[in-house]
C-alpha atoms as a PDB file:
ATOM      1  CA  UNK A   1       0.265 -26.114  -3.651  1.00  0.00           C
ATOM      2  CA  UNK A   2       1.078 -22.617  -4.942  1.00  0.00           C
ATOM      3  CA  UNK A   3       3.893 -20.629  -3.373  1.00  0.00           C
ATOM      4  CA  UNK A   4       2.955 -17.271  -1.839  1.00  0.00           C
ATOM      5  CA  UNK A   5       4.308 -14.222  -3.681  1.00  0.00           C
ATOM      6  CA  UNK A   6       3.647 -10.673  -2.521  1.00  0.00           C
ATOM      7  CA  UNK A   7       4.065  -7.897  -5.069  1.00  0.00           C
ATOM      8  CA  UNK A   8       4.581  -4.497  -3.424  1.00  0.00           C
ATOM      9  CA  UNK A   9       4.193  -1.317  -5.430  1.00  0.00           C
ATOM     10  CA  UNK A  10       3.336   2.372  -5.062  1.00  0.00           C
ATOM     11  CA  UNK A  11       1.227   3.046  -8.140  1.00  0.00           C
ATOM     12  CA  UNK A  12       3.978   4.850 -10.067  1.00  0.00           C
ATOM     13  CA  UNK A  13       4.378   4.188 -13.813  1.00  0.00           C
ATOM     14  CA  UNK A  14       7.317   1.797 -13.246  1.00  0.00           C
ATOM     15  CA  UNK A  15       5.268  -0.109 -10.665  1.00  0.00           C
ATOM     16  CA  UNK A  16       2.173  -0.357 -12.853  1.00  0.00           C
ATOM     17  CA  UNK A  17       4.277  -1.607 -15.765  1.00  0.00           C
ATOM     18  CA  UNK A  18       5.918  -4.248 -13.544  1.00  0.00           C
ATOM     19  CA  UNK A  19       2.513  -5.333 -12.212  1.00  0.00           C
ATOM     20  CA  UNK A  20       1.164  -5.800 -15.729  1.00  0.00           C
ATOM     21  CA  UNK A  21       4.305  -7.543 -17.013  1.00  0.00           C
ATOM     22  CA  UNK A  22       5.122  -9.778 -14.071  1.00  0.00           C
ATOM     23  CA  UNK A  23       2.545 -10.004 -11.294  1.00  0.00           C
ATOM     24  CA  UNK A  24      -0.342 -10.872 -13.596  1.00  0.00           C
ATOM     25  CA  UNK A  25       1.695 -13.210 -15.776  1.00  0.00           C
ATOM     26  CA  UNK A  26       2.830 -15.678 -13.101  1.00  0.00           C
ATOM     27  CA  UNK A  27       1.302 -19.126 -13.346  1.00  0.00           C
ATOM     28  CA  UNK A  28      -1.471 -19.257 -10.707  1.00  0.00           C
ATOM     29  CA  UNK A  29      -0.818 -22.991 -10.243  1.00  0.00           C
ATOM     30  CA  UNK A  30       2.715 -22.137  -9.112  1.00  0.00           C
ATOM     31  CA  UNK A  31       2.202 -18.788  -7.363  1.00  0.00           C
ATOM     32  CA  UNK A  32      -0.508 -17.313  -5.182  1.00  0.00           C
ATOM     33  CA  UNK A  33       0.137 -13.614  -5.874  1.00  0.00           C
ATOM     34  CA  UNK A  34      -1.022 -10.883  -3.518  1.00  0.00           C
ATOM     35  CA  UNK A  35      -0.718  -7.351  -4.871  1.00  0.00           C
ATOM     36  CA  UNK A  36      -0.142  -4.661  -2.247  1.00  0.00           C
ATOM     37  CA  UNK A  37      -0.382  -0.990  -3.263  1.00  0.00           C
ATOM     38  CA  UNK A  38       1.649   0.728  -0.541  1.00  0.00           C
ATOM     39  CA  UNK A  39       0.496   4.165  -1.642  1.00  0.00           C
ATOM     40  CA  UNK A  40      -3.046   3.156  -0.701  1.00  0.00           C
ATOM     41  CA  UNK A  41      -2.240   0.853   2.238  1.00  0.00           C
ATOM     42  CA  UNK A  42       0.565   2.491   4.208  1.00  0.00           C
ATOM     43  CA  UNK A  43      -0.086   0.103   7.112  1.00  0.00           C
ATOM     44  CA  UNK A  44       1.818  -2.563   5.134  1.00  0.00           C
ATOM     45  CA  UNK A  45       5.037  -0.532   4.683  1.00  0.00           C
ATOM     46  CA  UNK A  46       6.597  -1.945   7.875  1.00  0.00           C
ATOM     47  CA  UNK A  47       5.752  -5.470   6.702  1.00  0.00           C
ATOM     48  CA  UNK A  48       7.483  -4.779   3.382  1.00  0.00           C
ATOM     49  CA  UNK A  49      10.553  -3.363   5.167  1.00  0.00           C
ATOM     50  CA  UNK A  50      10.739  -6.366   7.484  1.00  0.00           C
ATOM     51  CA  UNK A  51      10.632  -8.613   4.408  1.00  0.00           C
ATOM     52  CA  UNK A  52      13.729  -6.868   3.033  1.00  0.00           C
ATOM     53  CA  UNK A  53      12.011  -4.596   0.524  1.00  0.00           C
ATOM     54  CA  UNK A  54      13.902  -1.321   0.107  1.00  0.00           C
ATOM     55  CA  UNK A  55      12.236   0.021  -3.006  1.00  0.00           C
ATOM     56  CA  UNK A  56       9.230  -0.750  -5.148  1.00  0.00           C
ATOM     57  CA  UNK A  57       8.234  -2.472  -7.305  1.00  0.00           C
ATOM     58  CA  UNK A  58       9.368  -5.653  -5.591  1.00  0.00           C
ATOM     59  CA  UNK A  59       8.266  -9.230  -5.048  1.00  0.00           C
ATOM     60  CA  UNK A  60       8.753 -11.226  -1.877  1.00  0.00           C
ATOM     61  CA  UNK A  61       8.778 -14.942  -2.653  1.00  0.00           C
ATOM     62  CA  UNK A  62       9.695 -17.567  -0.107  1.00  0.00           C
ATOM     63  CA  UNK A  63      10.775 -14.829   2.291  1.00  0.00           C
ATOM     64  CA  UNK A  64      13.268 -13.380  -0.200  1.00  0.00           C
ATOM     65  CA  UNK A  65      12.877  -9.889  -1.730  1.00  0.00           C
ATOM     66  CA  UNK A  66      13.328  -9.416  -5.467  1.00  0.00           C
ATOM     67  CA  UNK A  67      13.516  -5.809  -6.602  1.00  0.00           C
ATOM     68  CA  UNK A  68      12.394  -4.835 -10.096  1.00  0.00           C
ATOM     69  CA  UNK A  69      13.865  -1.626 -11.483  1.00  0.00           C
ATOM     70  CA  UNK A  70      13.391   1.394  -9.180  1.00  0.00           C
ATOM     71  CA  UNK A  71      10.076   3.199  -8.851  1.00  0.00           C
ATOM     72  CA  UNK A  72      10.227   4.607  -5.317  1.00  0.00           C
ATOM     73  CA  UNK A  73      12.125   4.077  -2.088  1.00  0.00           C
ATOM     74  CA  UNK A  74      10.006   2.841   0.803  1.00  0.00           C
ATOM     75  CA  UNK A  75      11.177   5.826   2.830  1.00  0.00           C
ATOM     76  CA  UNK A  76       9.457   8.076   0.240  1.00  0.00           C
ATOM     77  CA  UNK A  77       6.107   6.382   0.948  1.00  0.00           C
ATOM     78  CA  UNK A  78       6.053   6.968   4.708  1.00  0.00           C
END
């Protein structure tokens, strides 16, 4: 069974690069990846914050946040 991974991003160049490099390259047998564009779906910002995400792009895997570089702070998206 694949582990759930949520990739949060805001559509900025850093985020798009991270999506192309990482989110789409994970083995689908190992990870069920959901991509969430917080710039388009602001209703998910609270969910991201509660998962420990402070900036995007970031993955949440197994309940743990993993930040990739720094594209935008979540506070900038609200």
